[in-house]
Amino acid sequence: MPLPRFLKLDPADRAPILDAATREFAEHGFEGASQNRIIEASGISKGAMYYYFADKADLYGTVVDRAVAQMLEAIGPLDPFDDAPSFWAACEAYVERATMVAFGMPELARLAKHVYRNEAGVLDALAARAAAYVEQVLARGQRVGAVRTDVPLPLLTQASMGLLMALDRWFADNLSTTPPDELAALGPKSIELCRDLLSPKPRPNPKQKGKES
């Protein structure tokens, strides 16, 4: 978190600092980023930078939090659903919007590549927040019959997070080198992977199994 005095700044005064820092971190990552370059690009003094942020890690965390907030606002909430088909339709629409947002915010997508290196521990904090949201969505999906209930919800959440983070990391790594139409086509396939993991599974009939043997 930034120091309280930074939050007291007018948003118009905060923006140039965070914009310059976002460009620097997206280009060089946390370790390679230069606070001096950020200071020069933002037009503030070195003293002012340390007046607003305790250190580079503090600034980095603030930049990542803002980037996530910007992307989530652009994507929007999960569409309403009241049964299993509409639940999965809502998930697919969410992935489609997320893909389009990534195309429209390439700088933030480049930043995501560095976030997955967990420099300054930012990925741990983001993953914890994401897991809490995913667990809520899965619980809602269970209530409409879209998500299996034969596995404890916390375990299902962890398994889902493993898959979702692998997918997200792949997209972040390949966004700039894969044609947009190919990436767009992978969205529905990503949902298929999630459905394979999360959808209720038919239970074998012991009597039928005995007949087959």
Protein backbone atom coordinates (compact mmCIF):
# COMPACT_ATOMS: atom_id res chain seq x y z
CA MET A 1 0.00 0.00 0.00
CA PRO A 2 1.20 3.54 -0.68
CA LEU A 3 1.74 5.90 2.22
CA PRO A 4 -1.45 7.72 3.29
CA ARG A 5 -0.16 11.04 1.94
CA PHE A 6 -0.21 9.61 -1.61
CA LEU A 7 -3.88 8.70 -1.26
CA LYS A 8 -4.62 12.29 -0.30
CA LEU A 9 -3.36 13.50 -3.67
CA ASP A 10 -5.88 14.46 -6.30
CA PRO A 11 -6.39 11.54 -8.73
CA ALA A 12 -5.11 13.74 -11.55
CA ASP A 13 -1.83 14.14 -9.65
CA ARG A 14 -1.55 10.44 -8.81
CA ALA A 15 -2.10 9.30 -12.39
CA PRO A 16 1.20 10.52 -13.95
CA ILE A 17 3.21 8.79 -11.24
CA LEU A 18 1.40 5.49 -11.59
CA ASP A 19 1.33 5.71 -15.38
CA ALA A 20 5.10 6.18 -15.51
CA ALA A 21 5.62 3.35 -13.02
CA THR A 22 3.32 1.03 -14.96
CA ARG A 23 5.28 1.58 -18.17
CA GLU A 24 8.57 0.97 -16.39
CA PHE A 25 7.45 -2.20 -14.60
CA ALA A 26 5.72 -3.55 -17.73
CA GLU A 27 8.92 -3.08 -19.71
CA HIS A 28 11.51 -4.19 -17.16
CA GLY A 29 9.72 -6.08 -14.37
CA PHE A 30 10.27 -5.36 -10.70
CA GLU A 31 13.95 -6.21 -10.49
CA GLY A 32 14.94 -4.39 -13.67
CA ALA A 33 12.81 -1.31 -13.12
CA SER A 34 14.55 1.96 -12.22
CA GLN A 35 12.96 4.31 -9.75
CA ASN A 36 15.10 7.10 -11.21
CA ARG A 37 13.54 6.55 -14.63
CA ILE A 38 10.08 6.53 -13.05
CA ILE A 39 10.85 9.76 -11.20
CA GLU A 40 12.10 11.42 -14.37
CA ALA A 41 9.14 10.25 -16.46
CA SER A 42 6.56 11.27 -13.85
CA GLY A 43 8.07 14.72 -13.34
CA ILE A 44 8.33 14.57 -9.55
CA SER A 45 11.35 14.85 -7.31
CA LYS A 46 13.12 11.92 -5.68
CA GLY A 47 12.10 13.29 -2.30
CA ALA A 48 8.47 13.35 -3.35
CA MET A 49 8.67 9.71 -4.48
CA TYR A 50 9.85 8.58 -1.06
CA TYR A 51 7.28 10.87 0.51
CA TYR A 52 4.55 8.85 -1.22
CA PHE A 53 6.02 5.32 -1.23
CA ALA A 54 8.16 3.55 1.34
CA ASP A 55 10.20 1.70 -1.32
CA LYS A 56 10.07 0.23 -4.83
CA ALA A 57 8.10 -2.79 -3.63
CA ASP A 58 5.46 -0.47 -2.22
CA LEU A 59 5.21 1.33 -5.56
CA TYR A 60 5.09 -1.95 -7.47
CA GLY A 61 2.28 -3.30 -5.34
CA THR A 62 0.30 -0.10 -5.88
CA VAL A 63 0.81 -0.31 -9.65
CA VAL A 64 -0.30 -3.96 -9.77
CA ASP A 65 -3.37 -3.29 -7.62
CA ARG A 66 -4.40 -0.43 -9.91
CA ALA A 67 -3.83 -2.56 -13.03
CA VAL A 68 -6.00 -5.35 -11.66
CA ALA A 69 -8.74 -2.88 -10.71
CA GLN A 70 -8.65 -1.33 -14.19
CA MET A 71 -8.92 -4.69 -15.92
CA LEU A 72 -11.71 -5.95 -13.66
CA GLU A 73 -13.68 -2.75 -14.20
CA ALA A 74 -13.26 -3.08 -17.98
CA ILE A 75 -14.31 -6.76 -17.94
CA GLY A 76 -17.32 -6.18 -15.71
CA PRO A 77 -19.05 -8.63 -13.35
CA LEU A 78 -20.11 -12.17 -14.14
CA ASP A 79 -23.44 -12.17 -15.97
CA PRO A 80 -26.49 -13.31 -14.00
CA PHE A 81 -27.35 -17.02 -14.11
CA ASP A 82 -30.05 -19.27 -12.66
CA ASP A 83 -29.21 -22.74 -13.96
CA ALA A 84 -26.25 -24.78 -15.17
CA PRO A 85 -26.41 -23.70 -18.85
CA SER A 86 -26.61 -20.00 -17.99
CA PHE A 87 -23.79 -20.40 -15.43
CA TRP A 88 -21.42 -21.75 -18.07
CA ALA A 89 -22.66 -19.23 -20.64
CA ALA A 90 -21.83 -16.46 -18.15
CA CYS A 91 -18.36 -17.90 -17.61
CA GLU A 92 -17.71 -18.09 -21.35
CA ALA A 93 -18.90 -14.50 -21.85
CA TYR A 94 -16.60 -13.38 -19.03
CA VAL A 95 -13.60 -15.06 -20.67
CA GLU A 96 -14.47 -13.47 -24.03
CA ARG A 97 -14.59 -10.01 -22.43
CA ALA A 98 -11.34 -10.65 -20.58
CA THR A 99 -9.62 -11.60 -23.84
CA MET A 100 -10.83 -8.43 -25.56
CA VAL A 101 -9.72 -6.31 -22.62
CA ALA A 102 -6.26 -7.89 -22.74
CA PHE A 103 -6.02 -6.96 -26.42
CA GLY A 104 -7.04 -3.40 -25.60
CA MET A 105 -4.64 -3.04 -22.65
CA PRO A 106 -1.38 -4.59 -23.92
CA GLU A 107 0.72 -2.71 -21.37
CA LEU A 108 -1.20 -4.23 -18.50
CA ALA A 109 -0.95 -7.65 -20.16
CA ARG A 110 2.84 -7.23 -20.33
CA LEU A 111 2.82 -6.31 -16.66
CA ALA A 112 0.99 -9.58 -15.92
CA LYS A 113 3.94 -11.56 -17.30
CA HIS A 114 6.14 -10.06 -14.60
CA VAL A 115 3.51 -10.49 -11.89
CA TYR A 116 3.63 -14.26 -12.42
CA ARG A 117 7.27 -14.23 -11.37
CA ASN A 118 5.94 -13.21 -7.95
CA GLU A 119 8.51 -10.45 -7.55
CA ALA A 120 7.95 -8.59 -4.28
CA GLY A 121 5.34 -11.22 -3.38
CA VAL A 122 2.55 -9.56 -5.37
CA LEU A 123 1.27 -12.82 -6.86
CA ASP A 124 0.64 -14.36 -3.45
CA ALA A 125 -1.61 -11.49 -2.43
CA LEU A 126 -3.50 -11.49 -5.74
CA ALA A 127 -3.97 -15.26 -5.67
CA ALA A 128 -5.45 -15.14 -2.18
CA ARG A 129 -8.00 -12.53 -3.25
CA ALA A 130 -8.79 -14.40 -6.45
CA ALA A 131 -9.30 -17.66 -4.56
CA ALA A 132 -11.86 -16.04 -2.28
CA TYR A 133 -13.81 -14.83 -5.31
CA VAL A 134 -13.54 -18.17 -7.12
CA GLU A 135 -14.86 -19.99 -4.07
CA GLN A 136 -17.89 -17.70 -3.99
CA VAL A 137 -18.58 -18.32 -7.68
CA LEU A 138 -18.21 -22.07 -7.28
CA ALA A 139 -20.60 -22.06 -4.34
CA ARG A 140 -23.16 -20.20 -6.44
CA GLY A 141 -22.57 -22.66 -9.26
CA GLN A 142 -23.24 -25.56 -6.90
CA ARG A 143 -26.57 -24.06 -5.92
CA VAL A 144 -27.77 -24.12 -9.55
CA GLY A 145 -26.37 -27.57 -10.28
CA ALA A 146 -23.50 -26.41 -12.51
CA VAL A 147 -20.65 -27.37 -10.18
CA ARG A 148 -19.99 -30.74 -8.59
CA THR A 149 -20.58 -31.20 -4.86
CA ASP A 150 -18.79 -34.52 -4.34
CA VAL A 151 -15.48 -32.74 -3.61
CA PRO A 152 -14.99 -30.37 -0.64
CA LEU A 153 -15.39 -26.78 -1.80
CA PRO A 154 -11.97 -25.62 -0.52
CA LEU A 155 -10.26 -28.44 -2.44
CA LEU A 156 -12.31 -27.68 -5.54
CA THR A 157 -11.29 -24.03 -5.23
CA GLN A 158 -7.59 -24.91 -5.03
CA ALA A 159 -7.85 -27.20 -8.04
CA SER A 160 -9.69 -24.49 -9.98
CA MET A 161 -7.10 -21.87 -9.05
CA GLY A 162 -4.32 -24.11 -10.31
CA LEU A 163 -6.04 -24.44 -13.70
CA LEU A 164 -7.11 -20.79 -13.94
CA MET A 165 -3.67 -19.46 -13.08
CA ALA A 166 -2.04 -21.80 -15.61
CA LEU A 167 -4.44 -20.56 -18.30
CA ASP A 168 -3.99 -16.92 -17.35
CA ARG A 169 -0.23 -17.22 -17.29
CA TRP A 170 -0.20 -18.89 -20.71
CA PHE A 171 -2.31 -16.09 -22.18
CA ALA A 172 -0.08 -13.43 -20.60
CA ASP A 173 3.04 -15.09 -21.98
CA ASN A 174 1.64 -15.58 -25.47
CA LEU A 175 -0.57 -12.54 -25.98
CA SER A 176 1.99 -10.62 -28.03
CA THR A 177 3.06 -13.53 -30.24
CA THR A 178 -0.22 -15.34 -30.98
CA PRO A 179 -2.69 -14.08 -33.61
CA PRO A 180 -5.81 -12.56 -32.03
CA ASP A 181 -8.14 -15.01 -33.78
CA GLU A 182 -6.22 -17.96 -32.34
CA LEU A 183 -6.34 -16.50 -28.84
CA ALA A 184 -10.06 -15.79 -29.17
CA ALA A 185 -10.68 -19.39 -30.24
CA LEU A 186 -8.88 -20.65 -27.14
CA GLY A 187 -11.37 -18.88 -24.85
CA PRO A 188 -14.16 -21.47 -25.26
CA LYS A 189 -11.61 -24.29 -25.00
CA SER A 190 -10.47 -22.84 -21.68
CA ILE A 191 -14.05 -23.01 -20.44
CA GLU A 192 -14.23 -26.62 -21.64
CA LEU A 193 -11.24 -27.44 -19.44
CA CYS A 194 -12.98 -25.81 -16.49
CA ARG A 195 -16.23 -27.67 -17.20
CA ASP A 196 -14.36 -30.98 -17.36
CA LEU A 197 -12.96 -30.28 -13.91
CA LEU A 198 -16.01 -28.76 -12.25
CA SER A 199 -19.18 -30.21 -13.76
CA PRO A 200 -21.07 -32.88 -11.78
CA LYS A 201 -20.06 -36.38 -12.81
CA PRO A 202 -22.52 -39.26 -13.21
CA ARG A 203 -22.04 -41.87 -10.53
CA PRO A 204 -21.55 -45.46 -11.71
CA ASN A 205 -24.42 -47.83 -11.03
CA PRO A 206 -23.04 -50.73 -8.92
CA LYS A 207 -25.67 -53.10 -10.32
CA GLN A 208 -24.84 -52.16 -13.90
CA LYS A 209 -21.13 -52.57 -13.18
CA GLY A 210 -21.78 -56.05 -11.81
CA LYS A 211 -23.64 -57.06 -14.97
CA GLU A 212 -20.82 -55.82 -17.18
CA SER A 213 -18.23 -57.86 -15.24
